[in-house]
């Protein structure tokens, strides 16, 4: 699932390039977090690509906006809800 930096910046409504490195890093982390929450090892196993993309966008936005005081428990609960339909039952 490739989300471009420009697409992510548009979603975040960021116009400058000051945070490009941070946003790029958050994109990588968000993808990893979403795969872990969905309990998916390979992107090929993603059953709902649109919903997975929304989860990544949401994760980056949450981490970007809450850099100082992120509540990762709340983030994980929201991601479990977003990814529930494709989440594997086993670990």
PDB file of N, CA and C in Angstrom:
ATOM      1  N   UNK A   1       0.855  -1.168   0.000  1.00  0.00           N
ATOM      2  CA  UNK A   1       0.000   0.000   0.000  1.00  0.00           C
ATOM      3  C   UNK A   1       0.896   1.225   0.000  1.00  0.00           C
ATOM      4  N   UNK A   2       0.944   1.906  -1.097  1.00  0.00           N
ATOM      5  CA  UNK A   2       1.780   3.094  -1.209  1.00  0.00           C
ATOM      6  C   UNK A   2       0.939   4.355  -1.106  1.00  0.00           C
ATOM      7  N   UNK A   3       1.262   5.146  -0.126  1.00  0.00           N
ATOM      8  CA  UNK A   3       0.676   6.466   0.032  1.00  0.00           C
ATOM      9  C   UNK A   3       1.836   7.438  -0.143  1.00  0.00           C
ATOM     10  N   UNK A   4       1.705   8.331  -1.090  1.00  0.00           N
ATOM     11  CA  UNK A   4       2.799   9.257  -1.363  1.00  0.00           C
ATOM     12  C   UNK A   4       2.872  10.340  -0.289  1.00  0.00           C
ATOM     13  N   UNK A   5       4.035  10.937  -0.204  1.00  0.00           N
ATOM     14  CA  UNK A   5       4.226  12.035   0.739  1.00  0.00           C
ATOM     15  C   UNK A   5       3.267  13.182   0.414  1.00  0.00           C
ATOM     16  N   UNK A   6       3.101  13.479  -0.860  1.00  0.00           N
ATOM     17  CA  UNK A   6       2.184  14.551  -1.257  1.00  0.00           C
ATOM     18  C   UNK A   6       0.746  14.240  -0.869  1.00  0.00           C
ATOM     19  N   UNK A   7       0.339  12.984  -1.039  1.00  0.00           N
ATOM     20  CA  UNK A   7      -1.012  12.574  -0.667  1.00  0.00           C
ATOM     21  C   UNK A   7      -1.202  12.718   0.848  1.00  0.00           C
ATOM     22  N   UNK A   8      -0.184  12.325   1.603  1.00  0.00           N
ATOM     23  CA  UNK A   8      -0.271  12.415   3.056  1.00  0.00           C
ATOM     24  C   UNK A   8      -0.290  13.870   3.498  1.00  0.00           C
ATOM     25  N   UNK A   9       0.541  14.696   2.898  1.00  0.00           N
ATOM     26  CA  UNK A   9       0.564  16.114   3.246  1.00  0.00           C
ATOM     27  C   UNK A   9      -0.763  16.777   2.909  1.00  0.00           C
ATOM     28  N   UNK A  10      -1.385  16.384   1.817  1.00  0.00           N
ATOM     29  CA  UNK A  10      -2.688  16.910   1.456  1.00  0.00           C
ATOM     30  C   UNK A  10      -3.729  16.515   2.510  1.00  0.00           C
ATOM     31  N   UNK A  11      -3.687  15.264   2.958  1.00  0.00           N
ATOM     32  CA  UNK A  11      -4.607  14.780   3.994  1.00  0.00           C
ATOM     33  C   UNK A  11      -4.408  15.564   5.295  1.00  0.00           C
ATOM     34  N   UNK A  12      -3.151  15.854   5.620  1.00  0.00           N
ATOM     35  CA  UNK A  12      -2.831  16.596   6.843  1.00  0.00           C
ATOM     36  C   UNK A  12      -3.007  18.105   6.686  1.00  0.00           C
ATOM     37  N   UNK A  13      -3.178  18.540   5.453  1.00  0.00           N
ATOM     38  CA  UNK A  13      -3.263  19.966   5.117  1.00  0.00           C
ATOM     39  C   UNK A  13      -1.977  20.703   5.502  1.00  0.00           C
ATOM     40  N   UNK A  14      -0.860  20.075   5.134  1.00  0.00           N
ATOM     41  CA  UNK A  14       0.464  20.648   5.366  1.00  0.00           C
ATOM     42  C   UNK A  14       0.976  21.181   4.032  1.00  0.00           C
ATOM     43  N   UNK A  15       1.338  22.451   4.014  1.00  0.00           N
ATOM     44  CA  UNK A  15       1.776  23.089   2.769  1.00  0.00           C
ATOM     45  C   UNK A  15       3.285  23.241   2.658  1.00  0.00           C
ATOM     46  N   UNK A  16       3.986  23.160   3.769  1.00  0.00           N
ATOM     47  CA  UNK A  16       5.432  23.382   3.754  1.00  0.00           C
ATOM     48  C   UNK A  16       6.176  22.056   3.693  1.00  0.00           C
ATOM     49  N   UNK A  17       7.469  22.149   3.445  1.00  0.00           N
ATOM     50  CA  UNK A  17       8.295  20.941   3.383  1.00  0.00           C
ATOM     51  C   UNK A  17       9.087  20.725   4.675  1.00  0.00           C
ATOM     52  N   UNK A  18       8.839  21.538   5.684  1.00  0.00           N
ATOM     53  CA  UNK A  18       9.578  21.458   6.938  1.00  0.00           C
ATOM     54  C   UNK A  18       9.456  20.098   7.625  1.00  0.00           C
ATOM     55  N   UNK A  19       8.297  19.473   7.541  1.00  0.00           N
ATOM     56  CA  UNK A  19       8.049  18.205   8.232  1.00  0.00           C
ATOM     57  C   UNK A  19       8.070  16.994   7.306  1.00  0.00           C
ATOM     58  N   UNK A  20       8.629  17.143   6.125  1.00  0.00           N
ATOM     59  CA  UNK A  20       8.632  16.034   5.165  1.00  0.00           C
ATOM     60  C   UNK A  20       9.294  14.777   5.718  1.00  0.00           C
ATOM     61  N   UNK A  21      10.413  14.926   6.387  1.00  0.00           N
ATOM     62  CA  UNK A  21      11.118  13.756   6.930  1.00  0.00           C
ATOM     63  C   UNK A  21      10.281  13.105   8.016  1.00  0.00           C
ATOM     64  N   UNK A  22       9.696  13.919   8.888  1.00  0.00           N
ATOM     65  CA  UNK A  22       8.840  13.391   9.950  1.00  0.00           C
ATOM     66  C   UNK A  22       7.635  12.661   9.369  1.00  0.00           C
ATOM     67  N   UNK A  23       6.968  13.264   8.419  1.00  0.00           N
ATOM     68  CA  UNK A  23       5.774  12.654   7.832  1.00  0.00           C
ATOM     69  C   UNK A  23       6.138  11.364   7.103  1.00  0.00           C
ATOM     70  N   UNK A  24       7.244  11.346   6.404  1.00  0.00           N
ATOM     71  CA  UNK A  24       7.690  10.127   5.723  1.00  0.00           C
ATOM     72  C   UNK A  24       7.966   9.019   6.730  1.00  0.00           C
ATOM     73  N   UNK A  25       8.585   9.374   7.825  1.00  0.00           N
ATOM     74  CA  UNK A  25       8.868   8.405   8.882  1.00  0.00           C
ATOM     75  C   UNK A  25       7.582   7.883   9.514  1.00  0.00           C
ATOM     76  N   UNK A  26       6.641   8.776   9.736  1.00  0.00           N
ATOM     77  CA  UNK A  26       5.359   8.368  10.312  1.00  0.00           C
ATOM     78  C   UNK A  26       4.584   7.453   9.363  1.00  0.00           C
ATOM     79  N   UNK A  27       4.723   7.666   8.062  1.00  0.00           N
ATOM     80  CA  UNK A  27       4.072   6.786   7.085  1.00  0.00           C
ATOM     81  C   UNK A  27       4.590   5.356   7.204  1.00  0.00           C
ATOM     82  N   UNK A  28       5.884   5.211   7.341  1.00  0.00           N
ATOM     83  CA  UNK A  28       6.484   3.883   7.487  1.00  0.00           C
ATOM     84  C   UNK A  28       6.000   3.238   8.782  1.00  0.00           C
ATOM     85  N   UNK A  29       6.022   4.001   9.864  1.00  0.00           N
ATOM     86  CA  UNK A  29       5.577   3.483  11.158  1.00  0.00           C
ATOM     87  C   UNK A  29       4.096   3.124  11.138  1.00  0.00           C
ATOM     88  N   UNK A  30       3.283   3.975  10.537  1.00  0.00           N
ATOM     89  CA  UNK A  30       1.842   3.743  10.494  1.00  0.00           C
ATOM     90  C   UNK A  30       1.515   2.463   9.727  1.00  0.00           C
ATOM     91  N   UNK A  31       2.198   2.238   8.638  1.00  0.00           N
ATOM     92  CA  UNK A  31       1.974   1.023   7.859  1.00  0.00           C
ATOM     93  C   UNK A  31       2.309  -0.204   8.700  1.00  0.00           C
ATOM     94  N   UNK A  32       3.416  -0.153   9.393  1.00  0.00           N
ATOM     95  CA  UNK A  32       3.825  -1.261  10.252  1.00  0.00           C
ATOM     96  C   UNK A  32       2.827  -1.479  11.386  1.00  0.00           C
ATOM     97  N   UNK A  33       2.385  -0.399  12.006  1.00  0.00           N
ATOM     98  CA  UNK A  33       1.410  -0.497  13.092  1.00  0.00           C
ATOM     99  C   UNK A  33       0.115  -1.116  12.586  1.00  0.00           C
ATOM    100  N   UNK A  34      -0.368  -0.655  11.442  1.00  0.00           N
ATOM    101  CA  UNK A  34      -1.634  -1.164  10.898  1.00  0.00           C
ATOM    102  C   UNK A  34      -1.529  -2.639  10.518  1.00  0.00           C
ATOM    103  N   UNK A  35      -0.400  -3.039   9.948  1.00  0.00           N
ATOM    104  CA  UNK A  35      -0.207  -4.458   9.636  1.00  0.00           C
ATOM    105  C   UNK A  35      -0.214  -5.293  10.911  1.00  0.00           C
ATOM    106  N   UNK A  36       0.422  -4.782  11.960  1.00  0.00           N
ATOM    107  CA  UNK A  36       0.457  -5.502  13.230  1.00  0.00           C
ATOM    108  C   UNK A  36      -0.926  -5.610  13.859  1.00  0.00           C
ATOM    109  N   UNK A  37      -1.670  -4.518  13.851  1.00  0.00           N
ATOM    110  CA  UNK A  37      -3.016  -4.531  14.434  1.00  0.00           C
ATOM    111  C   UNK A  37      -3.916  -5.491  13.665  1.00  0.00           C
ATOM    112  N   UNK A  38      -3.772  -5.519  12.346  1.00  0.00           N
ATOM    113  CA  UNK A  38      -4.586  -6.419  11.522  1.00  0.00           C
ATOM    114  C   UNK A  38      -4.064  -7.859  11.555  1.00  0.00           C
ATOM    115  N   UNK A  39      -2.881  -8.027  12.169  1.00  0.00           N
ATOM    116  CA  UNK A  39      -2.229  -9.340  12.245  1.00  0.00           C
ATOM    117  C   UNK A  39      -1.973  -9.911  10.856  1.00  0.00           C
ATOM    118  N   UNK A  40      -1.469  -9.054   9.988  1.00  0.00           N
ATOM    119  CA  UNK A  40      -1.166  -9.422   8.609  1.00  0.00           C
ATOM    120  C   UNK A  40       0.340  -9.303   8.400  1.00  0.00           C
ATOM    121  N   UNK A  41       0.935 -10.345   7.833  1.00  0.00           N
ATOM    122  CA  UNK A  41       2.378 -10.344   7.590  1.00  0.00           C
ATOM    123  C   UNK A  41       2.744  -9.761   6.231  1.00  0.00           C
ATOM    124  N   UNK A  42       1.874  -9.949   5.262  1.00  0.00           N
ATOM    125  CA  UNK A  42       2.177  -9.547   3.891  1.00  0.00           C
ATOM    126  C   UNK A  42       1.057  -8.660   3.361  1.00  0.00           C
ATOM    127  N   UNK A  43       1.431  -7.585   2.710  1.00  0.00           N
ATOM    128  CA  UNK A  43       0.435  -6.662   2.140  1.00  0.00           C
ATOM    129  C   UNK A  43      -0.517  -7.354   1.165  1.00  0.00           C
ATOM    130  N   UNK A  44      -0.075  -8.437   0.564  1.00  0.00           N
ATOM    131  CA  UNK A  44      -0.920  -9.164  -0.384  1.00  0.00           C
ATOM    132  C   UNK A  44      -2.162  -9.733   0.288  1.00  0.00           C
ATOM    133  N   UNK A  45      -2.101  -9.909   1.618  1.00  0.00           N
ATOM    134  CA  UNK A  45      -3.215 -10.489   2.362  1.00  0.00           C
ATOM    135  C   UNK A  45      -4.250  -9.462   2.801  1.00  0.00           C
ATOM    136  N   UNK A  46      -4.040  -8.195   2.461  1.00  0.00           N
ATOM    137  CA  UNK A  46      -4.997  -7.155   2.826  1.00  0.00           C
ATOM    138  C   UNK A  46      -6.255  -7.344   1.992  1.00  0.00           C
ATOM    139  N   UNK A  47      -7.381  -7.519   2.670  1.00  0.00           N
ATOM    140  CA  UNK A  47      -8.636  -7.802   1.962  1.00  0.00           C
ATOM    141  C   UNK A  47      -9.406  -6.538   1.588  1.00  0.00           C
ATOM    142  N   UNK A  48      -9.236  -5.480   2.339  1.00  0.00           N
ATOM    143  CA  UNK A  48      -9.968  -4.234   2.079  1.00  0.00           C
ATOM    144  C   UNK A  48      -8.960  -3.092   1.994  1.00  0.00           C
ATOM    145  N   UNK A  49      -8.428  -2.891   0.811  1.00  0.00           N
ATOM    146  CA  UNK A  49      -7.344  -1.920   0.625  1.00  0.00           C
ATOM    147  C   UNK A  49      -7.780  -0.487   0.948  1.00  0.00           C
ATOM    148  N   UNK A  50      -9.015  -0.132   0.631  1.00  0.00           N
ATOM    149  CA  UNK A  50      -9.497   1.223   0.924  1.00  0.00           C
ATOM    150  C   UNK A  50      -9.552   1.472   2.426  1.00  0.00           C
ATOM    151  N   UNK A  51     -10.072   0.525   3.161  1.00  0.00           N
ATOM    152  CA  UNK A  51     -10.163   0.659   4.609  1.00  0.00           C
ATOM    153  C   UNK A  51      -8.771   0.675   5.238  1.00  0.00           C
ATOM    154  N   UNK A  52      -7.873  -0.132   4.708  1.00  0.00           N
ATOM    155  CA  UNK A  52      -6.501  -0.168   5.219  1.00  0.00           C
ATOM    156  C   UNK A  52      -5.814   1.171   4.967  1.00  0.00           C
ATOM    157  N   UNK A  53      -6.069   1.758   3.821  1.00  0.00           N
ATOM    158  CA  UNK A  53      -5.496   3.069   3.504  1.00  0.00           C
ATOM    159  C   UNK A  53      -6.009   4.123   4.481  1.00  0.00           C
ATOM    160  N   UNK A  54      -7.285   4.089   4.777  1.00  0.00           N
ATOM    161  CA  UNK A  54      -7.859   5.027   5.748  1.00  0.00           C
ATOM    162  C   UNK A  54      -7.193   4.848   7.110  1.00  0.00           C
ATOM    163  N   UNK A  55      -6.949   3.612   7.499  1.00  0.00           N
ATOM    164  CA  UNK A  55      -6.300   3.339   8.778  1.00  0.00           C
ATOM    165  C   UNK A  55      -4.888   3.931   8.810  1.00  0.00           C
ATOM    166  N   UNK A  56      -4.158   3.813   7.725  1.00  0.00           N
ATOM    167  CA  UNK A  56      -2.810   4.391   7.659  1.00  0.00           C
ATOM    168  C   UNK A  56      -2.880   5.913   7.732  1.00  0.00           C
ATOM    169  N   UNK A  57      -3.772   6.502   6.952  1.00  0.00           N
ATOM    170  CA  UNK A  57      -3.926   7.955   6.965  1.00  0.00           C
ATOM    171  C   UNK A  57      -4.286   8.441   8.367  1.00  0.00           C
ATOM    172  N   UNK A  58      -5.218   7.746   9.005  1.00  0.00           N
ATOM    173  CA  UNK A  58      -5.636   8.110  10.359  1.00  0.00           C
ATOM    174  C   UNK A  58      -4.464   8.007  11.332  1.00  0.00           C
ATOM    175  N   UNK A  59      -3.700   6.931  11.225  1.00  0.00           N
ATOM    176  CA  UNK A  59      -2.575   6.716  12.141  1.00  0.00           C
ATOM    177  C   UNK A  59      -1.536   7.813  12.003  1.00  0.00           C
ATOM    178  N   UNK A  60      -1.177   8.144  10.781  1.00  0.00           N
ATOM    179  CA  UNK A  60      -0.198   9.213  10.570  1.00  0.00           C
ATOM    180  C   UNK A  60      -0.742  10.528  11.120  1.00  0.00           C
ATOM    181  N   UNK A  61      -1.994  10.825  10.816  1.00  0.00           N
ATOM    182  CA  UNK A  61      -2.588  12.079  11.294  1.00  0.00           C
ATOM    183  C   UNK A  61      -2.602  12.123  12.818  1.00  0.00           C
ATOM    184  N   UNK A  62      -2.965  11.014  13.447  1.00  0.00           N
ATOM    185  CA  UNK A  62      -3.013  10.968  14.910  1.00  0.00           C
ATOM    186  C   UNK A  62      -1.619  11.184  15.498  1.00  0.00           C
ATOM    187  N   UNK A  63      -0.647  10.469  14.989  1.00  0.00           N
ATOM    188  CA  UNK A  63       0.716  10.591  15.505  1.00  0.00           C
ATOM    189  C   UNK A  63       1.306  11.967  15.226  1.00  0.00           C
ATOM    190  N   UNK A  64       0.968  12.538  14.087  1.00  0.00           N
ATOM    191  CA  UNK A  64       1.470  13.864  13.723  1.00  0.00           C
ATOM    192  C   UNK A  64       0.856  14.939  14.621  1.00  0.00           C
ATOM    193  N   UNK A  65      -0.438  14.866  14.804  1.00  0.00           N
ATOM    194  CA  UNK A  65      -1.134  15.881  15.590  1.00  0.00           C
ATOM    195  C   UNK A  65      -0.896  15.739  17.092  1.00  0.00           C
ATOM    196  N   UNK A  66      -0.595  14.532  17.555  1.00  0.00           N
ATOM    197  CA  UNK A  66      -0.402  14.288  18.989  1.00  0.00           C
ATOM    198  C   UNK A  66       1.040  13.909  19.306  1.00  0.00           C
ATOM    199  N   UNK A  67       1.974  14.546  18.649  1.00  0.00           N
ATOM    200  CA  UNK A  67       3.392  14.221  18.835  1.00  0.00           C
ATOM    201  C   UNK A  67       3.817  14.263  20.291  1.00  0.00           C
ATOM    202  N   UNK A  68       3.303  15.197  21.026  1.00  0.00           N
ATOM    203  CA  UNK A  68       3.741  15.406  22.397  1.00  0.00           C
ATOM    204  C   UNK A  68       2.962  14.555  23.397  1.00  0.00           C
ATOM    205  N   UNK A  69       1.695  14.259  23.119  1.00  0.00           N
ATOM    206  CA  UNK A  69       0.871  13.591  24.113  1.00  0.00           C
ATOM    207  C   UNK A  69       0.018  12.460  23.524  1.00  0.00           C
ATOM    208  N   UNK A  70       0.567  11.699  22.639  1.00  0.00           N
ATOM    209  CA  UNK A  70      -0.187  10.621  21.994  1.00  0.00           C
ATOM    210  C   UNK A  70      -0.597   9.558  23.011  1.00  0.00           C
ATOM    211  N   UNK A  71      -1.849   9.138  22.935  1.00  0.00           N
ATOM    212  CA  UNK A  71      -2.356   8.063  23.771  1.00  0.00           C
ATOM    213  C   UNK A  71      -2.447   6.828  22.877  1.00  0.00           C
ATOM    214  N   UNK A  72      -1.446   5.989  22.953  1.00  0.00           N
ATOM    215  CA  UNK A  72      -1.359   4.859  22.041  1.00  0.00           C
ATOM    216  C   UNK A  72      -2.450   3.815  22.304  1.00  0.00           C
ATOM    217  N   UNK A  73      -2.956   3.762  23.502  1.00  0.00           N
ATOM    218  CA  UNK A  73      -4.063   2.841  23.792  1.00  0.00           C
ATOM    219  C   UNK A  73      -5.293   3.250  22.990  1.00  0.00           C
ATOM    220  N   UNK A  74      -5.618   4.531  23.002  1.00  0.00           N
ATOM    221  CA  UNK A  74      -6.754   5.025  22.211  1.00  0.00           C
ATOM    222  C   UNK A  74      -6.530   4.793  20.725  1.00  0.00           C
ATOM    223  N   UNK A  75      -5.314   5.028  20.264  1.00  0.00           N
ATOM    224  CA  UNK A  75      -4.989   4.806  18.853  1.00  0.00           C
ATOM    225  C   UNK A  75      -5.217   3.343  18.484  1.00  0.00           C
ATOM    226  N   UNK A  76      -4.724   2.435  19.304  1.00  0.00           N
ATOM    227  CA  UNK A  76      -4.864   0.998  19.019  1.00  0.00           C
ATOM    228  C   UNK A  76      -6.329   0.562  19.031  1.00  0.00           C
ATOM    229  N   UNK A  77      -7.115   1.085  19.961  1.00  0.00           N
ATOM    230  CA  UNK A  77      -8.547   0.736  19.995  1.00  0.00           C
ATOM    231  C   UNK A  77      -9.260   1.207  18.732  1.00  0.00           C
ATOM    232  N   UNK A  78      -8.918   2.401  18.274  1.00  0.00           N
ATOM    233  CA  UNK A  78      -9.520   2.916  17.040  1.00  0.00           C
ATOM    234  C   UNK A  78      -9.087   2.079  15.841  1.00  0.00           C
ATOM    235  N   UNK A  79      -7.811   1.730  15.785  1.00  0.00           N
ATOM    236  CA  UNK A  79      -7.323   0.921  14.663  1.00  0.00           C
ATOM    237  C   UNK A  79      -7.951  -0.466  14.668  1.00  0.00           C
ATOM    238  N   UNK A  80      -8.120  -1.056  15.833  1.00  0.00           N
ATOM    239  CA  UNK A  80      -8.793  -2.366  15.886  1.00  0.00           C
ATOM    240  C   UNK A  80     -10.200  -2.270  15.330  1.00  0.00           C
ATOM    241  N   UNK A  81     -10.875  -1.172  15.623  1.00  0.00           N
ATOM    242  CA  UNK A  81     -12.226  -0.972  15.090  1.00  0.00           C
ATOM    243  C   UNK A  81     -12.191  -0.792  13.577  1.00  0.00           C
ATOM    244  N   UNK A  82     -11.249   0.005  13.094  1.00  0.00           N
ATOM    245  CA  UNK A  82     -11.139   0.244  11.651  1.00  0.00           C
ATOM    246  C   UNK A  82     -10.765  -1.019  10.877  1.00  0.00           C
ATOM    247  N   UNK A  83      -9.904  -1.833  11.474  1.00  0.00           N
ATOM    248  CA  UNK A  83      -9.366  -2.998  10.772  1.00  0.00           C
ATOM    249  C   UNK A  83     -10.034  -4.306  11.188  1.00  0.00           C
ATOM    250  N   UNK A  84     -11.102  -4.228  11.951  1.00  0.00           N
ATOM    251  CA  UNK A  84     -11.758  -5.412  12.491  1.00  0.00           C
ATOM    252  C   UNK A  84     -12.129  -6.430  11.417  1.00  0.00           C
ATOM    253  N   UNK A  85     -12.643  -5.965  10.305  1.00  0.00           N
ATOM    254  CA  UNK A  85     -13.107  -6.862   9.252  1.00  0.00           C
ATOM    255  C   UNK A  85     -12.019  -7.697   8.609  1.00  0.00           C
ATOM    256  N   UNK A  86     -10.792  -7.234   8.627  1.00  0.00           N
ATOM    257  CA  UNK A  86      -9.708  -7.991   8.003  1.00  0.00           C
ATOM    258  C   UNK A  86      -8.738  -8.577   9.023  1.00  0.00           C
ATOM    259  N   UNK A  87      -8.977  -8.293  10.286  1.00  0.00           N
ATOM    260  CA  UNK A  87      -8.059  -8.732  11.347  1.00  0.00           C
ATOM    261  C   UNK A  87      -8.111 -10.241  11.508  1.00  0.00           C
ATOM    262  N   UNK A  88      -6.948 -10.866  11.474  1.00  0.00           N
ATOM    263  CA  UNK A  88      -6.877 -12.319  11.635  1.00  0.00           C
ATOM    264  C   UNK A  88      -7.127 -12.678  13.093  1.00  0.00           C
ATOM    265  N   UNK A  89      -7.786 -13.793  13.319  1.00  0.00           N
ATOM    266  CA  UNK A  89      -8.147 -14.214  14.673  1.00  0.00           C
ATOM    267  C   UNK A  89      -6.932 -14.715  15.455  1.00  0.00           C
ATOM    268  N   UNK A  90      -6.003 -15.346  14.783  1.00  0.00           N
ATOM    269  CA  UNK A  90      -4.850 -15.901  15.485  1.00  0.00           C
ATOM    270  C   UNK A  90      -3.670 -14.955  15.431  1.00  0.00           C
ATOM    271  N   UNK A  91      -2.736 -15.177  16.332  1.00  0.00           N
ATOM    272  CA  UNK A  91      -1.521 -14.358  16.375  1.00  0.00           C
ATOM    273  C   UNK A  91      -0.485 -14.914  15.451  1.00  0.00           C
TER     274      UNK A  91
END
